[in-house]
Amino acid sequence: MTSHLHSPFKFCPQCASELVLMLQMSEERLTCPNCGWVHYEDPKVAAGVLVLRGSEVLLVRRTMEPCIRQWSIPAGFVNAFEYPQAAAVRECREETGLDVRIEALFDVLCGREHPRGADIFLVYRAEVIRGTLSAADDADQAAWFPLDQLPALAFETTRKIFAKLSQPSP
C-alpha cells in the first residue's frame, strides 16, 4: 500500500469528522469513517507556450519563488473547466501582453518539481498574432533571447524544452 499523500485536509468537508487513511481503489486515501467521503488528489496541470521568432525565443522572468528572477516560457496553471490551449494563450497574454495562436503540441512533461508545482506540463508551439511586449502578472520582465544565449532558466522542465528543441528532427 503506497501513499503519495500531499493533502492539507484533516477533516471531512461533508460532516467534519476526522479523516483517516484507508485503502481505497488500491491506494491509501484520506477517508471519512463516518460518511464515507474519499479524497482523491487530482494532478495539477499547467500549460505554456514556446514562441520562436527566427532564432530567438520569448521568455519571462519570474517574480516569485521558486526560481525567482530566473526565466521560463510563459506558462501557468490550467483552471477548472478551461481547455489547456486556452490556458496557455491566457498565460502568455497575462505575462507578456502578447496574443498568440497555438500551432501544435510541442511536448508533455511530467513530474512535480516543487510542492506548489504542476504534475503535468503541456507545452504548445505558438506564434504571436498581436500585442505589445510588456511584462505583467507574475513576470517582471519579458524579452526575446537568442537560442544560443539563454539566461538562467527556471525549472528542469524549462531546460528539457530547450534540450528537445535543439535535437535534430527525425
N, C-alpha and C. Protein backbone atom coordinates (compact mmCIF):
# COMPACT_ATOMS: atom_id res chain seq x y z
N MET A 1 0.85 -1.17 0.00
CA MET A 1 0.00 0.00 0.00
C MET A 1 0.89 1.24 0.00
N THR A 2 0.85 2.03 -1.07
CA THR A 2 1.69 3.23 -1.15
C THR A 2 0.81 4.46 -1.08
N SER A 3 1.36 5.49 -0.47
CA SER A 3 0.64 6.75 -0.38
C SER A 3 1.56 7.88 -0.83
N HIS A 4 1.05 8.69 -1.72
CA HIS A 4 1.77 9.88 -2.19
C HIS A 4 1.03 11.12 -1.69
N LEU A 5 0.45 11.00 -0.52
CA LEU A 5 -0.47 11.99 0.02
C LEU A 5 0.21 13.33 0.29
N HIS A 6 -0.33 14.38 -0.30
CA HIS A 6 0.15 15.74 -0.08
C HIS A 6 -0.98 16.63 0.41
N SER A 7 -2.10 16.06 0.76
CA SER A 7 -3.30 16.82 1.08
C SER A 7 -3.20 17.54 2.42
N PRO A 8 -3.70 18.77 2.45
CA PRO A 8 -3.76 19.50 3.72
C PRO A 8 -5.01 19.17 4.52
N PHE A 9 -5.90 18.33 3.97
CA PHE A 9 -7.15 18.01 4.66
C PHE A 9 -6.92 17.19 5.91
N LYS A 10 -7.62 17.57 6.97
CA LYS A 10 -7.62 16.79 8.21
C LYS A 10 -9.03 16.37 8.59
N PHE A 11 -10.02 17.13 8.09
CA PHE A 11 -11.41 16.87 8.45
C PHE A 11 -12.26 16.76 7.19
N CYS A 12 -13.31 15.98 7.29
CA CYS A 12 -14.22 15.74 6.17
C CYS A 12 -14.97 17.02 5.82
N PRO A 13 -14.98 17.40 4.53
CA PRO A 13 -15.73 18.59 4.12
C PRO A 13 -17.25 18.38 4.14
N GLN A 14 -17.68 17.13 4.27
CA GLN A 14 -19.11 16.81 4.29
C GLN A 14 -19.69 16.84 5.71
N CYS A 15 -18.97 16.20 6.66
CA CYS A 15 -19.55 16.06 8.01
C CYS A 15 -18.61 16.49 9.13
N ALA A 16 -17.39 16.93 8.80
CA ALA A 16 -16.39 17.45 9.75
C ALA A 16 -15.76 16.39 10.63
N SER A 17 -15.96 15.12 10.35
CA SER A 17 -15.28 14.05 11.10
C SER A 17 -13.80 14.03 10.73
N GLU A 18 -12.96 13.55 11.61
CA GLU A 18 -11.53 13.46 11.32
C GLU A 18 -11.30 12.38 10.27
N LEU A 19 -10.49 12.72 9.26
CA LEU A 19 -10.20 11.78 8.19
C LEU A 19 -9.13 10.79 8.62
N VAL A 20 -9.19 9.59 8.05
CA VAL A 20 -8.19 8.55 8.31
C VAL A 20 -7.73 7.98 6.98
N LEU A 21 -6.52 7.43 6.97
CA LEU A 21 -6.03 6.76 5.77
C LEU A 21 -6.65 5.37 5.69
N MET A 22 -7.24 5.09 4.54
CA MET A 22 -7.82 3.77 4.31
C MET A 22 -7.51 3.36 2.88
N LEU A 23 -7.45 2.07 2.65
CA LEU A 23 -7.23 1.56 1.30
C LEU A 23 -8.50 1.77 0.48
N GLN A 24 -8.38 2.57 -0.58
CA GLN A 24 -9.49 2.86 -1.49
C GLN A 24 -8.95 2.77 -2.91
N MET A 25 -9.52 1.93 -3.72
CA MET A 25 -9.11 1.79 -5.12
C MET A 25 -7.61 1.53 -5.23
N SER A 26 -7.11 0.61 -4.43
CA SER A 26 -5.73 0.14 -4.44
C SER A 26 -4.71 1.14 -3.92
N GLU A 27 -5.14 2.24 -3.31
CA GLU A 27 -4.21 3.21 -2.73
C GLU A 27 -4.74 3.71 -1.40
N GLU A 28 -3.81 4.13 -0.54
CA GLU A 28 -4.22 4.78 0.69
C GLU A 28 -4.75 6.16 0.35
N ARG A 29 -5.94 6.46 0.83
CA ARG A 29 -6.54 7.77 0.59
C ARG A 29 -7.22 8.22 1.88
N LEU A 30 -7.24 9.55 2.07
CA LEU A 30 -7.96 10.08 3.21
C LEU A 30 -9.44 9.77 3.04
N THR A 31 -10.02 9.18 4.07
CA THR A 31 -11.40 8.72 4.01
C THR A 31 -12.11 9.11 5.30
N CYS A 32 -13.37 9.46 5.19
CA CYS A 32 -14.17 9.76 6.37
C CYS A 32 -14.78 8.47 6.89
N PRO A 33 -14.46 8.09 8.13
CA PRO A 33 -15.03 6.86 8.69
C PRO A 33 -16.51 7.01 9.02
N ASN A 34 -17.02 8.25 9.03
CA ASN A 34 -18.41 8.49 9.39
C ASN A 34 -19.34 8.44 8.17
N CYS A 35 -19.04 9.26 7.14
CA CYS A 35 -19.95 9.33 5.98
C CYS A 35 -19.40 8.64 4.73
N GLY A 36 -18.12 8.24 4.74
CA GLY A 36 -17.54 7.51 3.62
C GLY A 36 -16.92 8.37 2.53
N TRP A 37 -16.90 9.72 2.71
CA TRP A 37 -16.28 10.60 1.71
C TRP A 37 -14.81 10.23 1.54
N VAL A 38 -14.33 10.22 0.29
CA VAL A 38 -12.94 9.87 -0.02
C VAL A 38 -12.30 11.05 -0.76
N HIS A 39 -11.10 11.40 -0.32
CA HIS A 39 -10.36 12.46 -1.01
C HIS A 39 -9.47 11.85 -2.08
N TYR A 40 -9.76 12.18 -3.35
CA TYR A 40 -8.93 11.77 -4.47
C TYR A 40 -8.11 12.98 -4.87
N GLU A 41 -6.80 12.89 -4.69
CA GLU A 41 -5.92 14.01 -5.02
C GLU A 41 -5.67 14.03 -6.53
N ASP A 42 -6.20 15.06 -7.18
CA ASP A 42 -6.06 15.18 -8.62
C ASP A 42 -4.72 15.84 -8.97
N PRO A 43 -4.18 15.52 -10.14
CA PRO A 43 -2.92 16.16 -10.55
C PRO A 43 -3.15 17.62 -10.90
N LYS A 44 -2.10 18.40 -10.70
CA LYS A 44 -2.12 19.81 -11.12
C LYS A 44 -1.57 19.86 -12.54
N VAL A 45 -2.26 20.60 -13.39
CA VAL A 45 -1.89 20.69 -14.80
C VAL A 45 -1.53 22.14 -15.13
N ALA A 46 -0.42 22.31 -15.83
CA ALA A 46 0.00 23.63 -16.30
C ALA A 46 0.14 23.58 -17.82
N ALA A 47 0.07 24.76 -18.43
CA ALA A 47 0.24 24.86 -19.88
C ALA A 47 1.08 26.10 -20.17
N GLY A 48 1.89 25.98 -21.20
CA GLY A 48 2.75 27.09 -21.58
C GLY A 48 2.96 27.13 -23.07
N VAL A 49 3.59 28.23 -23.52
CA VAL A 49 3.84 28.39 -24.94
C VAL A 49 5.33 28.57 -25.22
N LEU A 50 5.79 27.90 -26.25
CA LEU A 50 7.13 28.08 -26.79
C LEU A 50 6.95 28.92 -28.04
N VAL A 51 7.37 30.19 -27.94
CA VAL A 51 7.19 31.14 -29.04
C VAL A 51 8.57 31.48 -29.60
N LEU A 52 8.76 31.12 -30.87
CA LEU A 52 10.03 31.40 -31.54
C LEU A 52 9.83 32.51 -32.56
N ARG A 53 10.87 33.33 -32.70
CA ARG A 53 10.91 34.39 -33.72
C ARG A 53 12.28 34.28 -34.35
N GLY A 54 12.34 33.59 -35.48
CA GLY A 54 13.65 33.30 -36.08
C GLY A 54 14.44 32.42 -35.13
N SER A 55 15.63 32.87 -34.73
CA SER A 55 16.45 32.10 -33.80
C SER A 55 16.36 32.64 -32.38
N GLU A 56 15.24 33.34 -32.08
CA GLU A 56 15.01 33.87 -30.73
C GLU A 56 13.78 33.22 -30.11
N VAL A 57 13.76 33.23 -28.77
CA VAL A 57 12.64 32.66 -28.03
C VAL A 57 12.12 33.68 -27.03
N LEU A 58 10.83 33.67 -26.81
CA LEU A 58 10.18 34.56 -25.86
C LEU A 58 10.25 33.94 -24.46
N LEU A 59 10.80 34.70 -23.51
CA LEU A 59 10.89 34.23 -22.12
C LEU A 59 10.38 35.31 -21.18
N VAL A 60 9.98 34.87 -19.98
CA VAL A 60 9.56 35.79 -18.92
C VAL A 60 10.38 35.50 -17.67
N ARG A 61 10.61 36.57 -16.88
CA ARG A 61 11.36 36.43 -15.64
C ARG A 61 10.38 36.37 -14.47
N ARG A 62 10.53 35.35 -13.65
CA ARG A 62 9.62 35.08 -12.54
C ARG A 62 9.79 36.08 -11.40
N THR A 63 8.66 36.42 -10.76
CA THR A 63 8.69 37.33 -9.62
C THR A 63 8.43 36.62 -8.30
N MET A 64 8.30 35.30 -8.33
CA MET A 64 8.00 34.58 -7.08
C MET A 64 8.79 33.29 -7.00
N GLU A 65 8.94 32.82 -5.77
CA GLU A 65 9.60 31.54 -5.54
C GLU A 65 8.67 30.41 -5.95
N PRO A 66 9.19 29.30 -6.35
CA PRO A 66 10.62 29.04 -6.51
C PRO A 66 11.16 29.66 -7.80
N CYS A 67 12.45 29.74 -7.86
CA CYS A 67 13.16 30.21 -9.05
C CYS A 67 12.92 31.69 -9.36
N ILE A 68 12.78 32.50 -8.31
CA ILE A 68 12.58 33.93 -8.50
C ILE A 68 13.76 34.51 -9.29
N ARG A 69 13.46 35.45 -10.18
CA ARG A 69 14.42 36.13 -11.06
C ARG A 69 15.09 35.20 -12.07
N GLN A 70 14.53 34.01 -12.26
CA GLN A 70 15.01 33.15 -13.34
C GLN A 70 13.94 33.14 -14.44
N TRP A 71 14.31 32.64 -15.58
CA TRP A 71 13.49 32.79 -16.77
C TRP A 71 12.83 31.48 -17.18
N SER A 72 11.67 31.60 -17.80
CA SER A 72 10.93 30.45 -18.29
C SER A 72 10.06 30.88 -19.47
N ILE A 73 9.48 29.92 -20.12
CA ILE A 73 8.49 30.25 -21.14
C ILE A 73 7.24 30.76 -20.43
N PRO A 74 6.41 31.55 -21.09
CA PRO A 74 5.14 31.97 -20.49
C PRO A 74 4.28 30.73 -20.20
N ALA A 75 3.84 30.60 -18.95
CA ALA A 75 3.10 29.40 -18.57
C ALA A 75 2.38 29.61 -17.24
N GLY A 76 1.44 28.73 -16.96
CA GLY A 76 0.74 28.76 -15.69
C GLY A 76 -0.25 27.62 -15.59
N PHE A 77 -0.99 27.61 -14.49
CA PHE A 77 -1.92 26.52 -14.24
C PHE A 77 -3.16 26.62 -15.11
N VAL A 78 -3.68 25.45 -15.47
CA VAL A 78 -4.94 25.33 -16.19
C VAL A 78 -6.05 25.39 -15.13
N ASN A 79 -7.01 26.29 -15.33
CA ASN A 79 -8.13 26.41 -14.40
C ASN A 79 -9.13 25.28 -14.63
N ALA A 80 -9.95 25.01 -13.64
CA ALA A 80 -11.02 24.02 -13.79
C ALA A 80 -11.91 24.43 -14.96
N PHE A 81 -12.27 23.48 -15.79
CA PHE A 81 -13.16 23.65 -16.94
C PHE A 81 -12.55 24.48 -18.07
N GLU A 82 -11.24 24.74 -18.02
CA GLU A 82 -10.55 25.51 -19.06
C GLU A 82 -9.78 24.55 -19.96
N TYR A 83 -9.84 24.79 -21.26
CA TYR A 83 -9.04 24.00 -22.19
C TYR A 83 -7.57 24.35 -21.99
N PRO A 84 -6.66 23.38 -22.03
CA PRO A 84 -5.24 23.68 -21.85
C PRO A 84 -4.70 24.69 -22.85
N GLN A 85 -5.13 24.60 -24.12
CA GLN A 85 -4.67 25.56 -25.12
C GLN A 85 -5.10 26.98 -24.75
N ALA A 86 -6.32 27.13 -24.26
CA ALA A 86 -6.82 28.45 -23.85
C ALA A 86 -6.02 28.96 -22.65
N ALA A 87 -5.65 28.07 -21.74
CA ALA A 87 -4.84 28.47 -20.58
C ALA A 87 -3.47 28.96 -21.03
N ALA A 88 -2.87 28.28 -21.99
CA ALA A 88 -1.55 28.68 -22.49
C ALA A 88 -1.62 30.06 -23.14
N VAL A 89 -2.65 30.30 -23.95
CA VAL A 89 -2.84 31.60 -24.60
C VAL A 89 -3.08 32.67 -23.53
N ARG A 90 -3.93 32.38 -22.55
CA ARG A 90 -4.23 33.34 -21.48
C ARG A 90 -2.98 33.69 -20.69
N GLU A 91 -2.21 32.69 -20.30
CA GLU A 91 -0.99 32.93 -19.52
C GLU A 91 0.00 33.79 -20.30
N CYS A 92 0.14 33.54 -21.60
CA CYS A 92 1.05 34.35 -22.41
C CYS A 92 0.59 35.81 -22.44
N ARG A 93 -0.71 36.02 -22.64
CA ARG A 93 -1.25 37.38 -22.66
C ARG A 93 -1.03 38.07 -21.31
N GLU A 94 -1.31 37.35 -20.21
CA GLU A 94 -1.16 37.92 -18.87
C GLU A 94 0.30 38.29 -18.57
N GLU A 95 1.23 37.45 -18.98
CA GLU A 95 2.64 37.64 -18.62
C GLU A 95 3.42 38.49 -19.60
N THR A 96 2.97 38.58 -20.86
CA THR A 96 3.77 39.28 -21.87
C THR A 96 3.03 40.39 -22.61
N GLY A 97 1.71 40.44 -22.51
CA GLY A 97 0.94 41.39 -23.29
C GLY A 97 0.73 40.97 -24.73
N LEU A 98 1.22 39.80 -25.11
CA LEU A 98 1.11 39.33 -26.49
C LEU A 98 0.02 38.29 -26.64
N ASP A 99 -0.76 38.40 -27.70
CA ASP A 99 -1.72 37.36 -28.06
C ASP A 99 -1.03 36.39 -29.01
N VAL A 100 -1.21 35.12 -28.76
CA VAL A 100 -0.59 34.11 -29.59
C VAL A 100 -1.65 33.15 -30.14
N ARG A 101 -1.27 32.48 -31.21
CA ARG A 101 -2.08 31.42 -31.82
C ARG A 101 -1.34 30.12 -31.63
N ILE A 102 -2.00 29.13 -31.10
CA ILE A 102 -1.40 27.81 -30.91
C ILE A 102 -1.19 27.15 -32.27
N GLU A 103 0.01 26.63 -32.49
CA GLU A 103 0.32 25.92 -33.74
C GLU A 103 0.24 24.42 -33.55
N ALA A 104 0.81 23.91 -32.44
CA ALA A 104 0.85 22.46 -32.23
C ALA A 104 1.30 22.17 -30.80
N LEU A 105 1.01 20.97 -30.36
CA LEU A 105 1.54 20.50 -29.08
C LEU A 105 3.02 20.18 -29.29
N PHE A 106 3.87 20.76 -28.47
CA PHE A 106 5.32 20.54 -28.58
C PHE A 106 5.79 19.39 -27.69
N ASP A 107 5.27 19.34 -26.45
CA ASP A 107 5.71 18.28 -25.54
C ASP A 107 4.76 18.19 -24.35
N VAL A 108 4.77 17.04 -23.71
CA VAL A 108 4.07 16.82 -22.44
C VAL A 108 5.13 16.36 -21.45
N LEU A 109 5.32 17.15 -20.39
CA LEU A 109 6.33 16.85 -19.38
C LEU A 109 5.62 16.51 -18.08
N CYS A 110 6.17 15.54 -17.36
CA CYS A 110 5.54 15.09 -16.12
C CYS A 110 6.54 15.09 -14.97
N GLY A 111 6.01 15.28 -13.78
CA GLY A 111 6.83 15.22 -12.58
C GLY A 111 6.82 16.55 -11.84
N ARG A 112 6.31 16.55 -10.63
CA ARG A 112 6.23 17.78 -9.84
C ARG A 112 7.61 18.13 -9.31
N GLU A 113 8.11 19.30 -9.67
CA GLU A 113 9.46 19.72 -9.28
C GLU A 113 9.53 20.37 -7.91
N HIS A 114 8.41 20.88 -7.43
CA HIS A 114 8.37 21.52 -6.12
C HIS A 114 6.94 21.40 -5.60
N PRO A 115 6.72 21.59 -4.30
CA PRO A 115 5.40 21.34 -3.71
C PRO A 115 4.24 22.08 -4.36
N ARG A 116 4.46 23.27 -4.89
CA ARG A 116 3.36 24.02 -5.50
C ARG A 116 3.34 23.87 -7.02
N GLY A 117 4.17 22.98 -7.55
CA GLY A 117 4.29 22.85 -9.00
C GLY A 117 3.25 21.95 -9.63
N ALA A 118 3.34 21.86 -10.94
CA ALA A 118 2.43 21.03 -11.72
C ALA A 118 2.95 19.60 -11.83
N ASP A 119 2.03 18.67 -11.96
CA ASP A 119 2.37 17.28 -12.21
C ASP A 119 2.49 17.01 -13.70
N ILE A 120 1.69 17.71 -14.48
CA ILE A 120 1.65 17.56 -15.93
C ILE A 120 1.79 18.95 -16.55
N PHE A 121 2.74 19.10 -17.47
CA PHE A 121 3.01 20.39 -18.11
C PHE A 121 2.88 20.21 -19.62
N LEU A 122 1.88 20.86 -20.21
CA LEU A 122 1.64 20.81 -21.65
C LEU A 122 2.28 22.04 -22.29
N VAL A 123 3.17 21.79 -23.24
CA VAL A 123 3.89 22.88 -23.90
C VAL A 123 3.44 22.93 -25.36
N TYR A 124 2.98 24.10 -25.78
CA TYR A 124 2.50 24.30 -27.14
C TYR A 124 3.43 25.22 -27.90
N ARG A 125 3.64 24.94 -29.18
CA ARG A 125 4.30 25.90 -30.08
C ARG A 125 3.25 26.94 -30.43
N ALA A 126 3.66 28.19 -30.45
CA ALA A 126 2.71 29.26 -30.74
C ALA A 126 3.41 30.38 -31.49
N GLU A 127 2.60 31.20 -32.17
CA GLU A 127 3.13 32.37 -32.86
C GLU A 127 2.39 33.60 -32.38
N VAL A 128 3.10 34.72 -32.36
CA VAL A 128 2.50 35.99 -31.95
C VAL A 128 1.58 36.47 -33.07
N ILE A 129 0.37 36.90 -32.70
CA ILE A 129 -0.56 37.44 -33.71
C ILE A 129 -0.83 38.93 -33.49
N ARG A 130 -0.62 39.41 -32.25
CA ARG A 130 -0.79 40.85 -31.99
C ARG A 130 -0.35 41.15 -30.57
N GLY A 131 -0.23 42.45 -30.29
CA GLY A 131 0.10 42.89 -28.93
C GLY A 131 1.45 43.59 -28.87
N THR A 132 1.71 44.18 -27.72
CA THR A 132 2.96 44.86 -27.45
C THR A 132 3.62 44.19 -26.26
N LEU A 133 4.87 43.82 -26.42
CA LEU A 133 5.58 43.12 -25.36
C LEU A 133 5.66 43.99 -24.10
N SER A 134 5.09 43.48 -23.02
CA SER A 134 5.06 44.21 -21.76
C SER A 134 4.83 43.20 -20.63
N ALA A 135 5.82 43.05 -19.75
CA ALA A 135 5.72 42.08 -18.66
C ALA A 135 4.64 42.50 -17.67
N ALA A 136 3.93 41.51 -17.13
CA ALA A 136 2.89 41.77 -16.13
C ALA A 136 2.60 40.47 -15.39
N ASP A 137 1.61 40.52 -14.50
CA ASP A 137 1.17 39.38 -13.71
C ASP A 137 2.32 38.91 -12.83
N ASP A 138 2.78 37.67 -12.98
CA ASP A 138 3.87 37.17 -12.13
C ASP A 138 5.22 37.18 -12.86
N ALA A 139 5.35 38.07 -13.83
CA ALA A 139 6.62 38.27 -14.54
C ALA A 139 6.99 39.75 -14.47
N ASP A 140 8.24 40.05 -14.13
CA ASP A 140 8.65 41.46 -14.10
C ASP A 140 9.43 41.86 -15.36
N GLN A 141 9.78 40.88 -16.19
CA GLN A 141 10.43 41.16 -17.46
C GLN A 141 9.96 40.13 -18.48
N ALA A 142 9.85 40.55 -19.70
CA ALA A 142 9.56 39.66 -20.83
C ALA A 142 10.48 40.11 -21.96
N ALA A 143 11.13 39.15 -22.60
CA ALA A 143 12.11 39.53 -23.62
C ALA A 143 12.35 38.37 -24.59
N TRP A 144 12.90 38.74 -25.73
CA TRP A 144 13.33 37.76 -26.73
C TRP A 144 14.81 37.48 -26.50
N PHE A 145 15.20 36.20 -26.51
CA PHE A 145 16.59 35.81 -26.32
C PHE A 145 17.05 34.93 -27.47
N PRO A 146 18.28 35.14 -27.96
CA PRO A 146 18.83 34.20 -28.93
C PRO A 146 18.91 32.80 -28.30
N LEU A 147 18.57 31.80 -29.06
CA LEU A 147 18.57 30.42 -28.54
C LEU A 147 19.95 29.99 -28.04
N ASP A 148 21.01 30.60 -28.56
CA ASP A 148 22.35 30.23 -28.11
C ASP A 148 22.87 31.15 -27.00
N GLN A 149 22.01 32.02 -26.47
CA GLN A 149 22.39 32.93 -25.37
C GLN A 149 21.26 33.04 -24.36
N LEU A 150 20.81 31.91 -23.83
CA LEU A 150 19.70 31.89 -22.89
C LEU A 150 20.16 32.35 -21.51
N PRO A 151 19.28 33.05 -20.78
CA PRO A 151 19.61 33.47 -19.41
C PRO A 151 19.45 32.29 -18.45
N ALA A 152 19.62 32.52 -17.15
CA ALA A 152 19.42 31.48 -16.14
C ALA A 152 17.98 31.00 -16.20
N LEU A 153 17.81 29.72 -16.48
CA LEU A 153 16.48 29.15 -16.69
C LEU A 153 15.91 28.57 -15.40
N ALA A 154 14.64 28.84 -15.17
CA ALA A 154 13.91 28.25 -14.05
C ALA A 154 13.47 26.84 -14.45
N PHE A 155 13.52 25.93 -13.53
CA PHE A 155 12.90 24.61 -13.65
C PHE A 155 13.62 23.65 -14.62
N GLU A 156 13.63 22.42 -14.23
CA GLU A 156 14.17 21.35 -15.07
C GLU A 156 13.31 21.20 -16.33
N THR A 157 11.99 21.40 -16.20
CA THR A 157 11.13 21.27 -17.38
C THR A 157 11.50 22.31 -18.44
N THR A 158 11.87 23.51 -18.02
CA THR A 158 12.30 24.54 -18.97
C THR A 158 13.54 24.08 -19.72
N ARG A 159 14.49 23.52 -18.98
CA ARG A 159 15.72 23.04 -19.62
C ARG A 159 15.42 21.87 -20.56
N LYS A 160 14.47 21.01 -20.20
CA LYS A 160 14.09 19.89 -21.08
C LYS A 160 13.48 20.39 -22.38
N ILE A 161 12.70 21.46 -22.31
CA ILE A 161 12.10 22.04 -23.51
C ILE A 161 13.19 22.47 -24.49
N PHE A 162 14.21 23.17 -23.97
CA PHE A 162 15.28 23.64 -24.86
C PHE A 162 16.19 22.51 -25.32
N ALA A 163 16.34 21.48 -24.51
CA ALA A 163 17.11 20.31 -24.95
C ALA A 163 16.40 19.63 -26.12
N LYS A 164 15.07 19.49 -26.01
CA LYS A 164 14.31 18.87 -27.09
C LYS A 164 14.35 19.75 -28.34
N LEU A 165 14.25 21.06 -28.15
CA LEU A 165 14.26 21.99 -29.28
C LEU A 165 15.57 21.91 -30.06
N SER A 166 16.67 21.64 -29.35
CA SER A 166 17.97 21.60 -30.02
C SER A 166 18.27 20.25 -30.67
N GLN A 167 17.39 19.25 -30.45
CA GLN A 167 17.60 17.94 -31.08
C GLN A 167 17.23 18.02 -32.56
N PRO A 168 17.98 17.32 -33.40
CA PRO A 168 17.63 17.30 -34.82
C PRO A 168 16.28 16.59 -35.03
N SER A 169 15.53 17.07 -35.99
CA SER A 169 14.23 16.44 -36.30
C SER A 169 14.47 15.09 -36.95
N PRO A 170 13.59 14.11 -36.67
CA PRO A 170 13.76 12.77 -37.28
C PRO A 170 13.45 12.77 -38.75
